[in-house]
Structures are given as C-alpha cells and as structure tokens.
Amino acid sequence: MKFNSIINGWDIGGVNIKAMQINSSSGPVSILRSINTPFEIWHNPDELAARLNDAGNYLDIKDDQPHGVTITAELSDAFRTKREGIHFILDAFKKAFFNSPVFIFNLY
C-alpha cells in the first residue's frame, strides 16, 4: 500500500475532536493545519460522522489520505461498553472517510 506524504492525526475524546494534518514528504515534518473543536459525544453520538467530515473539510482532507487515530471517547456514558464505543467511532470514520485507511493506536 502506497501512501502520499500527507497524514491526518486524530484524537477523538469525550468532549473534543482534535486533528492535525502533516506533510512528511521531505526534511522535517511540517504541520499544515490543525483543529480543536468541541463535541460532547454523549449529547448526540449520531453526529460524530458529520463532525468528523466537517473537520476533514477544514483540514482539506483528500480521498485516500491515511488517518492515525487515538480514542478516549469510547469511555463516555454514550456507550455501554468500551468495545461498543470503539466500534461506533470506527464506523463514524468509515462514514466520513470511506476511501481512506484508518489506523488506530492502542485499540483494546
């Protein structure tokens, strides 16, 4: 699998969505854009995919760019179990970025 030099990193927390887009093409890694947007997942979890898409539009994410994700929102009261929360968040990424590979840090 060949990736371009643009990588999107995400932190999906219980009260914020944080993301950063970097360019790793040559020399030191450079930050292209970043966003930190409030989102209390327990208020309306079904909005997550749309909020990821909004953040992706702000970052100017293109199809097929890889995403590295760390998650803490799976522990919120929106989910009965950690596993349910993780799968819900992964499904939201699939909806928002269906052509892009998603890599999860420390899944279980």
PDB file of N, CA and C in Angstrom:
ATOM      1  N   MET A   1       0.843  -1.167   0.000  1.00  0.00           N
ATOM      2  CA  MET A   1       0.000   0.000   0.000  1.00  0.00           C
ATOM      3  C   MET A   1       0.894   1.237   0.000  1.00  0.00           C
ATOM      4  N   LYS A   2       0.684   2.101  -0.956  1.00  0.00           N
ATOM      5  CA  LYS A   2       1.493   3.307  -1.079  1.00  0.00           C
ATOM      6  C   LYS A   2       0.678   4.508  -0.607  1.00  0.00           C
ATOM      7  N   PHE A   3       1.270   5.300   0.273  1.00  0.00           N
ATOM      8  CA  PHE A   3       0.603   6.495   0.770  1.00  0.00           C
ATOM      9  C   PHE A   3       1.331   7.722   0.267  1.00  0.00           C
ATOM     10  N   ASN A   4       0.572   8.788   0.158  1.00  0.00           N
ATOM     11  CA  ASN A   4       1.221  10.041  -0.151  1.00  0.00           C
ATOM     12  C   ASN A   4       1.842  10.579   1.131  1.00  0.00           C
ATOM     13  N   SER A   5       2.397  11.731   1.086  1.00  0.00           N
ATOM     14  CA  SER A   5       3.136  12.262   2.227  1.00  0.00           C
ATOM     15  C   SER A   5       2.262  13.049   3.205  1.00  0.00           C
ATOM     16  N   ILE A   6       0.981  13.147   2.948  1.00  0.00           N
ATOM     17  CA  ILE A   6       0.066  13.838   3.848  1.00  0.00           C
ATOM     18  C   ILE A   6      -0.564  12.810   4.784  1.00  0.00           C
ATOM     19  N   ILE A   7      -0.471  13.073   6.082  1.00  0.00           N
ATOM     20  CA  ILE A   7      -1.028  12.178   7.096  1.00  0.00           C
ATOM     21  C   ILE A   7      -1.919  12.998   8.025  1.00  0.00           C
ATOM     22  N   ASN A   8      -3.056  12.435   8.381  1.00  0.00           N
ATOM     23  CA  ASN A   8      -4.014  13.088   9.267  1.00  0.00           C
ATOM     24  C   ASN A   8      -4.026  12.357  10.602  1.00  0.00           C
ATOM     25  N   GLY A   9      -3.787  13.088  11.693  1.00  0.00           N
ATOM     26  CA  GLY A   9      -3.800  12.505  13.026  1.00  0.00           C
ATOM     27  C   GLY A   9      -4.987  13.032  13.809  1.00  0.00           C
ATOM     28  N   TRP A  10      -5.658  12.149  14.528  1.00  0.00           N
ATOM     29  CA  TRP A  10      -6.888  12.488  15.245  1.00  0.00           C
ATOM     30  C   TRP A  10      -6.820  12.047  16.693  1.00  0.00           C
ATOM     31  N   ASP A  11      -7.471  12.824  17.557  1.00  0.00           N
ATOM     32  CA  ASP A  11      -7.735  12.436  18.939  1.00  0.00           C
ATOM     33  C   ASP A  11      -9.229  12.626  19.156  1.00  0.00           C
ATOM     34  N   ILE A  12      -9.943  11.519  19.304  1.00  0.00           N
ATOM     35  CA  ILE A  12     -11.386  11.581  19.482  1.00  0.00           C
ATOM     36  C   ILE A  12     -11.668  11.395  20.973  1.00  0.00           C
ATOM     37  N   GLY A  13     -11.924  12.508  21.631  1.00  0.00           N
ATOM     38  CA  GLY A  13     -12.187  12.485  23.062  1.00  0.00           C
ATOM     39  C   GLY A  13     -13.668  12.620  23.352  1.00  0.00           C
ATOM     40  N   GLY A  14     -14.005  12.581  24.610  1.00  0.00           N
ATOM     41  CA  GLY A  14     -15.395  12.672  25.011  1.00  0.00           C
ATOM     42  C   GLY A  14     -15.983  14.061  24.880  1.00  0.00           C
ATOM     43  N   VAL A  15     -15.119  15.104  24.877  1.00  0.00           N
ATOM     44  CA  VAL A  15     -15.631  16.478  24.795  1.00  0.00           C
ATOM     45  C   VAL A  15     -14.987  17.307  23.689  1.00  0.00           C
ATOM     46  N   ASN A  16     -14.001  16.769  22.990  1.00  0.00           N
ATOM     47  CA  ASN A  16     -13.328  17.492  21.904  1.00  0.00           C
ATOM     48  C   ASN A  16     -12.908  16.535  20.800  1.00  0.00           C
ATOM     49  N   ILE A  17     -12.887  17.057  19.605  1.00  0.00           N
ATOM     50  CA  ILE A  17     -12.269  16.378  18.469  1.00  0.00           C
ATOM     51  C   ILE A  17     -11.061  17.220  18.097  1.00  0.00           C
ATOM     52  N   LYS A  18      -9.891  16.602  18.119  1.00  0.00           N
ATOM     53  CA  LYS A  18      -8.668  17.306  17.734  1.00  0.00           C
ATOM     54  C   LYS A  18      -8.064  16.583  16.539  1.00  0.00           C
ATOM     55  N   ALA A  19      -7.567  17.362  15.600  1.00  0.00           N
ATOM     56  CA  ALA A  19      -6.957  16.756  14.419  1.00  0.00           C
ATOM     57  C   ALA A  19      -5.830  17.638  13.904  1.00  0.00           C
ATOM     58  N   MET A  20      -4.877  16.989  13.263  1.00  0.00           N
ATOM     59  CA  MET A  20      -3.734  17.691  12.696  1.00  0.00           C
ATOM     60  C   MET A  20      -3.366  17.015  11.380  1.00  0.00           C
ATOM     61  N   GLN A  21      -3.047  17.819  10.407  1.00  0.00           N
ATOM     62  CA  GLN A  21      -2.592  17.305   9.118  1.00  0.00           C
ATOM     63  C   GLN A  21      -1.126  17.673   8.963  1.00  0.00           C
ATOM     64  N   ILE A  22      -0.311  16.661   8.658  1.00  0.00           N
ATOM     65  CA  ILE A  22       1.124  16.904   8.494  1.00  0.00           C
ATOM     66  C   ILE A  22       1.581  16.494   7.111  1.00  0.00           C
ATOM     67  N   ASN A  23       2.704  17.080   6.708  1.00  0.00           N
ATOM     68  CA  ASN A  23       3.370  16.721   5.456  1.00  0.00           C
ATOM     69  C   ASN A  23       4.703  16.106   5.840  1.00  0.00           C
ATOM     70  N   SER A  24       4.903  14.870   5.426  1.00  0.00           N
ATOM     71  CA  SER A  24       6.135  14.162   5.759  1.00  0.00           C
ATOM     72  C   SER A  24       6.970  13.864   4.523  1.00  0.00           C
ATOM     73  N   SER A  25       6.820  14.670   3.483  1.00  0.00           N
ATOM     74  CA  SER A  25       7.450  14.362   2.197  1.00  0.00           C
ATOM     75  C   SER A  25       8.972  14.453   2.217  1.00  0.00           C
ATOM     76  N   SER A  26       9.515  15.480   2.832  1.00  0.00           N
ATOM     77  CA  SER A  26      10.974  15.601   2.857  1.00  0.00           C
ATOM     78  C   SER A  26      11.386  16.524   3.988  1.00  0.00           C
ATOM     79  N   GLY A  27      12.542  16.274   4.521  1.00  0.00           N
ATOM     80  CA  GLY A  27      13.025  17.113   5.614  1.00  0.00           C
ATOM     81  C   GLY A  27      12.179  16.923   6.853  1.00  0.00           C
ATOM     82  N   PRO A  28      12.185  17.913   7.712  1.00  0.00           N
ATOM     83  CA  PRO A  28      11.381  17.801   8.929  1.00  0.00           C
ATOM     84  C   PRO A  28       9.888  17.784   8.602  1.00  0.00           C
ATOM     85  N   VAL A  29       9.135  17.084   9.426  1.00  0.00           N
ATOM     86  CA  VAL A  29       7.682  17.038   9.261  1.00  0.00           C
ATOM     87  C   VAL A  29       7.133  18.433   9.497  1.00  0.00           C
ATOM     88  N   SER A  30       6.226  18.851   8.637  1.00  0.00           N
ATOM     89  CA  SER A  30       5.619  20.169   8.819  1.00  0.00           C
ATOM     90  C   SER A  30       4.121  20.029   9.067  1.00  0.00           C
ATOM     91  N   ILE A  31       3.615  20.829   9.981  1.00  0.00           N
ATOM     92  CA  ILE A  31       2.183  20.865  10.269  1.00  0.00           C
ATOM     93  C   ILE A  31       1.519  21.773   9.245  1.00  0.00           C
ATOM     94  N   LEU A  32       0.542  21.233   8.538  1.00  0.00           N
ATOM     95  CA  LEU A  32      -0.171  22.016   7.535  1.00  0.00           C
ATOM     96  C   LEU A  32      -1.359  22.749   8.141  1.00  0.00           C
ATOM     97  N   ARG A  33      -2.168  22.021   8.909  1.00  0.00           N
ATOM     98  CA  ARG A  33      -3.361  22.595   9.533  1.00  0.00           C
ATOM     99  C   ARG A  33      -3.676  21.792  10.790  1.00  0.00           C
ATOM    100  N   SER A  34      -4.412  22.431  11.691  1.00  0.00           N
ATOM    101  CA  SER A  34      -4.905  21.700  12.860  1.00  0.00           C
ATOM    102  C   SER A  34      -6.248  22.275  13.273  1.00  0.00           C
ATOM    103  N   ILE A  35      -6.993  21.484  14.027  1.00  0.00           N
ATOM    104  CA  ILE A  35      -8.306  21.914  14.500  1.00  0.00           C
ATOM    105  C   ILE A  35      -8.564  21.277  15.858  1.00  0.00           C
ATOM    106  N   ASN A  36      -9.218  22.021  16.727  1.00  0.00           N
ATOM    107  CA  ASN A  36      -9.682  21.534  18.018  1.00  0.00           C
ATOM    108  C   ASN A  36     -11.104  22.055  18.158  1.00  0.00           C
ATOM    109  N   THR A  37     -12.062  21.152  18.053  1.00  0.00           N
ATOM    110  CA  THR A  37     -13.464  21.571  18.061  1.00  0.00           C
ATOM    111  C   THR A  37     -14.226  20.861  19.177  1.00  0.00           C
ATOM    112  N   PRO A  38     -15.035  21.602  19.916  1.00  0.00           N
ATOM    113  CA  PRO A  38     -15.816  20.968  20.974  1.00  0.00           C
ATOM    114  C   PRO A  38     -16.851  20.006  20.395  1.00  0.00           C
ATOM    115  N   PHE A  39     -16.964  18.852  21.021  1.00  0.00           N
ATOM    116  CA  PHE A  39     -18.010  17.894  20.660  1.00  0.00           C
ATOM    117  C   PHE A  39     -18.191  16.939  21.834  1.00  0.00           C
ATOM    118  N   GLU A  40     -19.267  17.128  22.572  1.00  0.00           N
ATOM    119  CA  GLU A  40     -19.581  16.262  23.703  1.00  0.00           C
ATOM    120  C   GLU A  40     -20.356  15.070  23.160  1.00  0.00           C
ATOM    121  N   ILE A  41     -19.661  13.972  22.988  1.00  0.00           N
ATOM    122  CA  ILE A  41     -20.206  12.830  22.255  1.00  0.00           C
ATOM    123  C   ILE A  41     -21.469  12.262  22.895  1.00  0.00           C
ATOM    124  N   TRP A  42     -21.606  12.351  24.201  1.00  0.00           N
ATOM    125  CA  TRP A  42     -22.782  11.778  24.854  1.00  0.00           C
ATOM    126  C   TRP A  42     -24.061  12.566  24.573  1.00  0.00           C
ATOM    127  N   HIS A  43     -23.936  13.818  24.133  1.00  0.00           N
ATOM    128  CA  HIS A  43     -25.124  14.615  23.823  1.00  0.00           C
ATOM    129  C   HIS A  43     -25.795  14.140  22.541  1.00  0.00           C
ATOM    130  N   ASN A  44     -25.011  13.814  21.522  1.00  0.00           N
ATOM    131  CA  ASN A  44     -25.574  13.355  20.255  1.00  0.00           C
ATOM    132  C   ASN A  44     -24.533  12.540  19.498  1.00  0.00           C
ATOM    133  N   PRO A  45     -24.305  11.301  19.910  1.00  0.00           N
ATOM    134  CA  PRO A  45     -23.277  10.492  19.261  1.00  0.00           C
ATOM    135  C   PRO A  45     -23.485  10.314  17.753  1.00  0.00           C
ATOM    136  N   ASP A  46     -24.738  10.336  17.310  1.00  0.00           N
ATOM    137  CA  ASP A  46     -25.009  10.136  15.881  1.00  0.00           C
ATOM    138  C   ASP A  46     -24.494  11.271  15.007  1.00  0.00           C
ATOM    139  N   GLU A  47     -24.088  12.376  15.603  1.00  0.00           N
ATOM    140  CA  GLU A  47     -23.498  13.494  14.856  1.00  0.00           C
ATOM    141  C   GLU A  47     -22.003  13.314  14.592  1.00  0.00           C
ATOM    142  N   LEU A  48     -21.391  12.290  15.163  1.00  0.00           N
ATOM    143  CA  LEU A  48     -19.933  12.161  15.082  1.00  0.00           C
ATOM    144  C   LEU A  48     -19.422  12.125  13.647  1.00  0.00           C
ATOM    145  N   ALA A  49     -19.999  11.311  12.784  1.00  0.00           N
ATOM    146  CA  ALA A  49     -19.513  11.218  11.399  1.00  0.00           C
ATOM    147  C   ALA A  49     -19.574  12.569  10.704  1.00  0.00           C
ATOM    148  N   ALA A  50     -20.657  13.305  10.915  1.00  0.00           N
ATOM    149  CA  ALA A  50     -20.781  14.635  10.302  1.00  0.00           C
ATOM    150  C   ALA A  50     -19.746  15.597  10.857  1.00  0.00           C
ATOM    151  N   ARG A  51     -19.479  15.526  12.146  1.00  0.00           N
ATOM    152  CA  ARG A  51     -18.476  16.411  12.750  1.00  0.00           C
ATOM    153  C   ARG A  51     -17.072  16.051  12.272  1.00  0.00           C
ATOM    154  N   LEU A  52     -16.794  14.755  12.086  1.00  0.00           N
ATOM    155  CA  LEU A  52     -15.509  14.344  11.503  1.00  0.00           C
ATOM    156  C   LEU A  52     -15.385  14.871  10.082  1.00  0.00           C
ATOM    157  N   ASN A  53     -16.461  14.773   9.334  1.00  0.00           N
ATOM    158  CA  ASN A  53     -16.467  15.278   7.961  1.00  0.00           C
ATOM    159  C   ASN A  53     -16.224  16.784   7.928  1.00  0.00           C
ATOM    160  N   ASP A  54     -16.866  17.536   8.843  1.00  0.00           N
ATOM    161  CA  ASP A  54     -16.650  18.979   8.922  1.00  0.00           C
ATOM    162  C   ASP A  54     -15.184  19.297   9.210  1.00  0.00           C
ATOM    163  N   ALA A  55     -14.608  18.598  10.168  1.00  0.00           N
ATOM    164  CA  ALA A  55     -13.193  18.808  10.494  1.00  0.00           C
ATOM    165  C   ALA A  55     -12.317  18.433   9.301  1.00  0.00           C
ATOM    166  N   GLY A  56     -12.683  17.348   8.614  1.00  0.00           N
ATOM    167  CA  GLY A  56     -11.938  16.938   7.427  1.00  0.00           C
ATOM    168  C   GLY A  56     -11.990  17.972   6.321  1.00  0.00           C
ATOM    169  N   ASN A  57     -13.138  18.617   6.170  1.00  0.00           N
ATOM    170  CA  ASN A  57     -13.242  19.687   5.174  1.00  0.00           C
ATOM    171  C   ASN A  57     -12.349  20.861   5.545  1.00  0.00           C
ATOM    172  N   TYR A  58     -12.323  21.212   6.824  1.00  0.00           N
ATOM    173  CA  TYR A  58     -11.452  22.301   7.281  1.00  0.00           C
ATOM    174  C   TYR A  58      -9.984  21.967   7.018  1.00  0.00           C
ATOM    175  N   LEU A  59      -9.613  20.700   7.252  1.00  0.00           N
ATOM    176  CA  LEU A  59      -8.230  20.283   7.031  1.00  0.00           C
ATOM    177  C   LEU A  59      -7.923  20.044   5.559  1.00  0.00           C
ATOM    178  N   ASP A  60      -8.939  20.080   4.713  1.00  0.00           N
ATOM    179  CA  ASP A  60      -8.790  19.827   3.273  1.00  0.00           C
ATOM    180  C   ASP A  60      -8.295  18.407   3.001  1.00  0.00           C
ATOM    181  N   ILE A  61      -8.892  17.459   3.701  1.00  0.00           N
ATOM    182  CA  ILE A  61      -8.518  16.054   3.539  1.00  0.00           C
ATOM    183  C   ILE A  61      -9.014  15.544   2.193  1.00  0.00           C
ATOM    184  N   LYS A  62      -8.138  14.861   1.496  1.00  0.00           N
ATOM    185  CA  LYS A  62      -8.451  14.259   0.198  1.00  0.00           C
ATOM    186  C   LYS A  62      -8.699  12.761   0.377  1.00  0.00           C
ATOM    187  N   ASP A  63      -9.437  12.183  -0.580  1.00  0.00           N
ATOM    188  CA  ASP A  63      -9.637  10.730  -0.559  1.00  0.00           C
ATOM    189  C   ASP A  63      -8.295  10.029  -0.550  1.00  0.00           C
ATOM    190  N   ASP A  64      -8.230   8.952   0.133  1.00  0.00           N
ATOM    191  CA  ASP A  64      -7.110   8.017   0.240  1.00  0.00           C
ATOM    192  C   ASP A  64      -5.973   8.481   1.156  1.00  0.00           C
ATOM    193  N   GLN A  65      -6.080   9.664   1.768  1.00  0.00           N
ATOM    194  CA  GLN A  65      -5.057  10.063   2.735  1.00  0.00           C
ATOM    195  C   GLN A  65      -5.242   9.243   4.015  1.00  0.00           C
ATOM    196  N   PRO A  66      -4.163   8.753   4.601  1.00  0.00           N
ATOM    197  CA  PRO A  66      -4.281   7.924   5.800  1.00  0.00           C
ATOM    198  C   PRO A  66      -4.599   8.748   7.050  1.00  0.00           C
ATOM    199  N   HIS A  67      -5.245   8.063   7.991  1.00  0.00           N
ATOM    200  CA  HIS A  67      -5.627   8.668   9.268  1.00  0.00           C
ATOM    201  C   HIS A  67      -5.065   7.818  10.398  1.00  0.00           C
ATOM    202  N   GLY A  68      -4.389   8.464  11.330  1.00  0.00           N
ATOM    203  CA  GLY A  68      -3.971   7.817  12.567  1.00  0.00           C
ATOM    204  C   GLY A  68      -4.857   8.347  13.675  1.00  0.00           C
ATOM    205  N   VAL A  69      -5.447   7.441  14.453  1.00  0.00           N
ATOM    206  CA  VAL A  69      -6.470   7.848  15.416  1.00  0.00           C
ATOM    207  C   VAL A  69      -6.168   7.293  16.802  1.00  0.00           C
ATOM    208  N   THR A  70      -6.314   8.136  17.792  1.00  0.00           N
ATOM    209  CA  THR A  70      -6.342   7.700  19.180  1.00  0.00           C
ATOM    210  C   THR A  70      -7.713   8.078  19.739  1.00  0.00           C
ATOM    211  N   ILE A  71      -8.229   7.219  20.607  1.00  0.00           N
ATOM    212  CA  ILE A  71      -9.609   7.373  21.068  1.00  0.00           C
ATOM    213  C   ILE A  71      -9.658   7.325  22.595  1.00  0.00           C
ATOM    214  N   THR A  72     -10.411   8.256  23.178  1.00  0.00           N
ATOM    215  CA  THR A  72     -10.783   8.148  24.590  1.00  0.00           C
ATOM    216  C   THR A  72     -12.296   8.273  24.760  1.00  0.00           C
ATOM    217  N   ALA A  73     -12.997   8.674  23.730  1.00  0.00           N
ATOM    218  CA  ALA A  73     -14.449   8.870  23.801  1.00  0.00           C
ATOM    219  C   ALA A  73     -15.207   7.567  24.023  1.00  0.00           C
ATOM    220  N   GLU A  74     -14.582   6.436  23.771  1.00  0.00           N
ATOM    221  CA  GLU A  74     -15.272   5.156  23.955  1.00  0.00           C
ATOM    222  C   GLU A  74     -15.623   4.909  25.421  1.00  0.00           C
ATOM    223  N   LEU A  75     -15.017   5.682  26.314  1.00  0.00           N
ATOM    224  CA  LEU A  75     -15.280   5.528  27.744  1.00  0.00           C
ATOM    225  C   LEU A  75     -16.407   6.431  28.236  1.00  0.00           C
ATOM    226  N   SER A  76     -16.997   7.218  27.342  1.00  0.00           N
ATOM    227  CA  SER A  76     -18.053   8.145  27.759  1.00  0.00           C
ATOM    228  C   SER A  76     -19.337   7.378  28.077  1.00  0.00           C
ATOM    229  N   ASP A  77     -20.275   8.075  28.675  1.00  0.00           N
ATOM    230  CA  ASP A  77     -21.560   7.474  29.028  1.00  0.00           C
ATOM    231  C   ASP A  77     -22.438   7.185  27.807  1.00  0.00           C
ATOM    232  N   ALA A  78     -21.996   7.562  26.636  1.00  0.00           N
ATOM    233  CA  ALA A  78     -22.772   7.304  25.425  1.00  0.00           C
ATOM    234  C   ALA A  78     -22.780   5.822  25.056  1.00  0.00           C
ATOM    235  N   PHE A  79     -21.849   5.050  25.617  1.00  0.00           N
ATOM    236  CA  PHE A  79     -21.695   3.646  25.237  1.00  0.00           C
ATOM    237  C   PHE A  79     -21.753   2.744  26.466  1.00  0.00           C
ATOM    238  N   ARG A  80     -22.350   1.569  26.292  1.00  0.00           N
ATOM    239  CA  ARG A  80     -22.454   0.621  27.406  1.00  0.00           C
ATOM    240  C   ARG A  80     -21.112  -0.022  27.720  1.00  0.00           C
ATOM    241  N   THR A  81     -20.309  -0.278  26.671  1.00  0.00           N
ATOM    242  CA  THR A  81     -19.012  -0.921  26.873  1.00  0.00           C
ATOM    243  C   THR A  81     -17.946  -0.191  26.056  1.00  0.00           C
ATOM    244  N   LYS A  82     -16.708  -0.395  26.435  1.00  0.00           N
ATOM    245  CA  LYS A  82     -15.591   0.186  25.691  1.00  0.00           C
ATOM    246  C   LYS A  82     -15.598  -0.333  24.254  1.00  0.00           C
ATOM    247  N   ARG A  83     -15.825  -1.617  24.089  1.00  0.00           N
ATOM    248  CA  ARG A  83     -15.851  -2.218  22.746  1.00  0.00           C
ATOM    249  C   ARG A  83     -16.923  -1.571  21.871  1.00  0.00           C
ATOM    250  N   GLU A  84     -18.111  -1.366  22.431  1.00  0.00           N
ATOM    251  CA  GLU A  84     -19.179  -0.713  21.675  1.00  0.00           C
ATOM    252  C   GLU A  84     -18.754   0.683  21.235  1.00  0.00           C
ATOM    253  N   GLY A  85     -18.130   1.435  22.132  1.00  0.00           N
ATOM    254  CA  GLY A  85     -17.680   2.786  21.806  1.00  0.00           C
ATOM    255  C   GLY A  85     -16.633   2.797  20.703  1.00  0.00           C
ATOM    256  N   ILE A  86     -15.677   1.896  20.779  1.00  0.00           N
ATOM    257  CA  ILE A  86     -14.627   1.825  19.755  1.00  0.00           C
ATOM    258  C   ILE A  86     -15.235   1.517  18.390  1.00  0.00           C
ATOM    259  N   HIS A  87     -16.115   0.525  18.348  1.00  0.00           N
ATOM    260  CA  HIS A  87     -16.731   0.171  17.064  1.00  0.00           C
ATOM    261  C   HIS A  87     -17.601   1.307  16.519  1.00  0.00           C
ATOM    262  N   PHE A  88     -18.300   1.997  17.393  1.00  0.00           N
ATOM    263  CA  PHE A  88     -19.112   3.130  16.964  1.00  0.00           C
ATOM    264  C   PHE A  88     -18.233   4.211  16.333  1.00  0.00           C
ATOM    265  N   ILE A  89     -17.128   4.527  16.972  1.00  0.00           N
ATOM    266  CA  ILE A  89     -16.226   5.572  16.471  1.00  0.00           C
ATOM    267  C   ILE A  89     -15.571   5.142  15.159  1.00  0.00           C
ATOM    268  N   LEU A  90     -15.166   3.887  15.059  1.00  0.00           N
ATOM    269  CA  LEU A  90     -14.594   3.392  13.799  1.00  0.00           C
ATOM    270  C   LEU A  90     -15.624   3.451  12.673  1.00  0.00           C
ATOM    271  N   ASP A  91     -16.865   3.115  12.969  1.00  0.00           N
ATOM    272  CA  ASP A  91     -17.923   3.211  11.950  1.00  0.00           C
ATOM    273  C   ASP A  91     -18.109   4.660  11.492  1.00  0.00           C
ATOM    274  N   ALA A  92     -18.000   5.610  12.426  1.00  0.00           N
ATOM    275  CA  ALA A  92     -18.116   7.028  12.058  1.00  0.00           C
ATOM    276  C   ALA A  92     -16.989   7.431  11.118  1.00  0.00           C
ATOM    277  N   PHE A  93     -15.783   6.930  11.355  1.00  0.00           N
ATOM    278  CA  PHE A  93     -14.671   7.222  10.441  1.00  0.00           C
ATOM    279  C   PHE A  93     -14.930   6.624   9.065  1.00  0.00           C
ATOM    280  N   LYS A  94     -15.467   5.417   9.018  1.00  0.00           N
ATOM    281  CA  LYS A  94     -15.786   4.791   7.725  1.00  0.00           C
ATOM    282  C   LYS A  94     -16.803   5.620   6.953  1.00  0.00           C
ATOM    283  N   LYS A  95     -17.793   6.168   7.660  1.00  0.00           N
ATOM    284  CA  LYS A  95     -18.806   7.003   7.006  1.00  0.00           C
ATOM    285  C   LYS A  95     -18.203   8.314   6.511  1.00  0.00           C
ATOM    286  N   ALA A  96     -17.354   8.916   7.317  1.00  0.00           N
ATOM    287  CA  ALA A  96     -16.798  10.227   6.976  1.00  0.00           C
ATOM    288  C   ALA A  96     -15.693  10.137   5.928  1.00  0.00           C
ATOM    289  N   PHE A  97     -14.884   9.074   5.981  1.00  0.00           N
ATOM    290  CA  PHE A  97     -13.701   8.961   5.109  1.00  0.00           C
ATOM    291  C   PHE A  97     -13.633   7.558   4.514  1.00  0.00           C
ATOM    292  N   PHE A  98     -14.662   7.182   3.768  1.00  0.00           N
ATOM    293  CA  PHE A  98     -14.804   5.801   3.312  1.00  0.00           C
ATOM    294  C   PHE A  98     -13.698   5.315   2.385  1.00  0.00           C
ATOM    295  N   ASN A  99     -12.969   6.201   1.718  1.00  0.00           N
ATOM    296  CA  ASN A  99     -11.889   5.776   0.819  1.00  0.00           C
ATOM    297  C   ASN A  99     -10.515   5.845   1.462  1.00  0.00           C
ATOM    298  N   SER A 100     -10.446   6.145   2.740  1.00  0.00           N
ATOM    299  CA  SER A 100      -9.165   6.380   3.398  1.00  0.00           C
ATOM    300  C   SER A 100      -8.852   5.294   4.416  1.00  0.00           C
ATOM    301  N   PRO A 101      -7.592   4.873   4.476  1.00  0.00           N
ATOM    302  CA  PRO A 101      -7.210   3.911   5.512  1.00  0.00           C
ATOM    303  C   PRO A 101      -7.164   4.591   6.881  1.00  0.00           C
ATOM    304  N   VAL A 102      -7.648   3.878   7.889  1.00  0.00           N
ATOM    305  CA  VAL A 102      -7.672   4.389   9.259  1.00  0.00           C
ATOM    306  C   VAL A 102      -6.872   3.436  10.130  1.00  0.00           C
ATOM    307  N   PHE A 103      -5.913   3.978  10.852  1.00  0.00           N
ATOM    308  CA  PHE A 103      -5.074   3.203  11.755  1.00  0.00           C
ATOM    309  C   PHE A 103      -5.347   3.665  13.181  1.00  0.00           C
ATOM    310  N   ILE A 104      -5.638   2.733  14.059  1.00  0.00           N
ATOM    311  CA  ILE A 104      -5.989   3.040  15.436  1.00  0.00           C
ATOM    312  C   ILE A 104      -4.808   2.749  16.341  1.00  0.00           C
ATOM    313  N   PHE A 105      -4.528   3.684  17.240  1.00  0.00           N
ATOM    314  CA  PHE A 105      -3.485   3.486  18.229  1.00  0.00           C
ATOM    315  C   PHE A 105      -4.100   2.875  19.479  1.00  0.00           C
ATOM    316  N   ASN A 106      -3.544   1.753  19.925  1.00  0.00           N
ATOM    317  CA  ASN A 106      -3.941   1.123  21.179  1.00  0.00           C
ATOM    318  C   ASN A 106      -5.432   0.819  21.207  1.00  0.00           C
ATOM    319  N   LEU A 107      -5.872  -0.014  20.280  1.00  0.00           N
ATOM    320  CA  LEU A 107      -7.302  -0.299  20.085  1.00  0.00           C
ATOM    321  C   LEU A 107      -7.947  -0.933  21.310  1.00  0.00           C
ATOM    322  N   TYR A 108      -7.378  -1.962  21.895  1.00  0.00           N
ATOM    323  CA  TYR A 108      -8.016  -2.631  23.037  1.00  0.00           C
ATOM    324  C   TYR A 108      -7.057  -2.721  24.193  1.00  0.00           C
TER     325      TYR A 108
END
